[in-house]
């Protein structure tokens, strides 16, 4: 396993300091229901931080959009094959 940052022995993927060093901080505004939801997820232990919940949600949104594009391309190909 590759060493973590600054000689960390935990491995670079699990080293919090290393992972966060590559991230850029952004501030976002959430509605009260969304704040309550993400705080509940963290409180349940599902995630370690609100940022982790938001990152997961964005990844899922990206996957959903990619699947929609893929389905659209497959549908267009099917229509073209029938013509």
Protein backbone atom coordinates (compact mmCIF):
# COMPACT_ATOMS: atom_id res chain seq x y z
CA UNK A 1 0.00 0.00 0.00
CA UNK A 2 1.20 3.50 -0.82
CA UNK A 3 2.23 5.68 2.10
CA UNK A 4 -0.10 8.47 3.11
CA UNK A 5 0.76 12.12 3.11
CA UNK A 6 3.62 13.41 5.24
CA UNK A 7 4.65 9.89 6.22
CA UNK A 8 1.22 8.84 7.45
CA UNK A 9 0.99 5.07 7.97
CA UNK A 10 -2.76 4.80 7.36
CA UNK A 11 -2.44 4.70 3.59
CA UNK A 12 -3.24 7.59 1.30
CA UNK A 13 -6.90 6.64 0.68
CA UNK A 14 -7.82 6.52 4.35
CA UNK A 15 -5.71 9.46 5.53
CA UNK A 16 -8.09 12.33 6.27
CA UNK A 17 -5.35 14.93 5.99
CA UNK A 18 -4.30 13.65 2.56
CA UNK A 19 -7.83 13.37 1.15
CA UNK A 20 -8.85 16.81 2.34
CA UNK A 21 -5.68 18.51 1.09
CA UNK A 22 -6.83 17.96 -2.50
CA UNK A 23 -10.34 19.31 -1.87
CA UNK A 24 -11.50 22.86 -2.39
CA UNK A 25 -13.80 24.37 0.19
CA UNK A 26 -17.13 25.75 -1.01
CA UNK A 27 -19.98 27.10 1.01
CA UNK A 28 -23.51 26.12 0.09
CA UNK A 29 -26.92 27.10 1.42
CA UNK A 30 -29.35 24.34 2.39
CA UNK A 31 -32.99 24.58 3.35
CA UNK A 32 -33.97 23.60 6.89
CA UNK A 33 -35.39 20.20 5.82
CA UNK A 34 -32.14 19.38 3.99
CA UNK A 35 -30.05 20.46 6.98
CA UNK A 36 -32.16 18.26 9.25
CA UNK A 37 -31.76 15.31 6.88
CA UNK A 38 -27.99 15.51 6.52
CA UNK A 39 -27.52 16.11 10.24
CA UNK A 40 -29.66 13.03 10.95
CA UNK A 41 -27.52 10.95 8.57
CA UNK A 42 -24.37 12.05 10.39
CA UNK A 43 -25.97 11.49 13.81
CA UNK A 44 -26.97 7.93 12.81
CA UNK A 45 -23.37 7.25 11.86
CA UNK A 46 -24.17 6.71 8.18
CA UNK A 47 -21.68 9.44 7.26
CA UNK A 48 -18.89 11.20 9.10
CA UNK A 49 -19.75 14.74 8.02
CA UNK A 50 -22.31 16.87 6.22
CA UNK A 51 -19.78 17.28 3.42
CA UNK A 52 -19.67 13.52 2.95
CA UNK A 53 -23.48 13.40 2.65
CA UNK A 54 -23.45 16.19 0.04
CA UNK A 55 -20.61 14.56 -1.93
CA UNK A 56 -22.49 11.25 -1.98
CA UNK A 57 -25.67 12.98 -3.13
CA UNK A 58 -23.80 14.72 -5.94
CA UNK A 59 -22.17 11.47 -7.06
CA UNK A 60 -25.59 9.81 -7.19
CA UNK A 61 -26.97 12.72 -9.22
CA UNK A 62 -24.04 12.42 -11.65
CA UNK A 63 -24.65 8.66 -11.98
CA UNK A 64 -28.37 9.25 -12.60
CA UNK A 65 -27.65 11.82 -15.30
CA UNK A 66 -25.07 9.54 -16.95
CA UNK A 67 -27.61 6.69 -16.96
CA UNK A 68 -30.19 9.00 -18.55
CA UNK A 69 -27.73 9.94 -21.30
CA UNK A 70 -26.88 6.28 -21.81
CA UNK A 71 -30.58 5.33 -22.04
CA UNK A 72 -31.17 8.16 -24.51
CA UNK A 73 -28.33 6.97 -26.72
CA UNK A 74 -29.57 3.38 -26.54
CA UNK A 75 -33.11 4.48 -27.45
CA UNK A 76 -31.85 6.54 -30.39
CA UNK A 77 -29.83 3.57 -31.62
CA UNK A 78 -32.88 1.29 -31.32
CA UNK A 79 -35.01 3.70 -33.33
CA UNK A 80 -32.29 3.96 -35.96
CA UNK A 81 -32.00 0.15 -36.18
CA UNK A 82 -35.78 -0.18 -36.76
CA UNK A 83 -35.77 2.33 -39.59
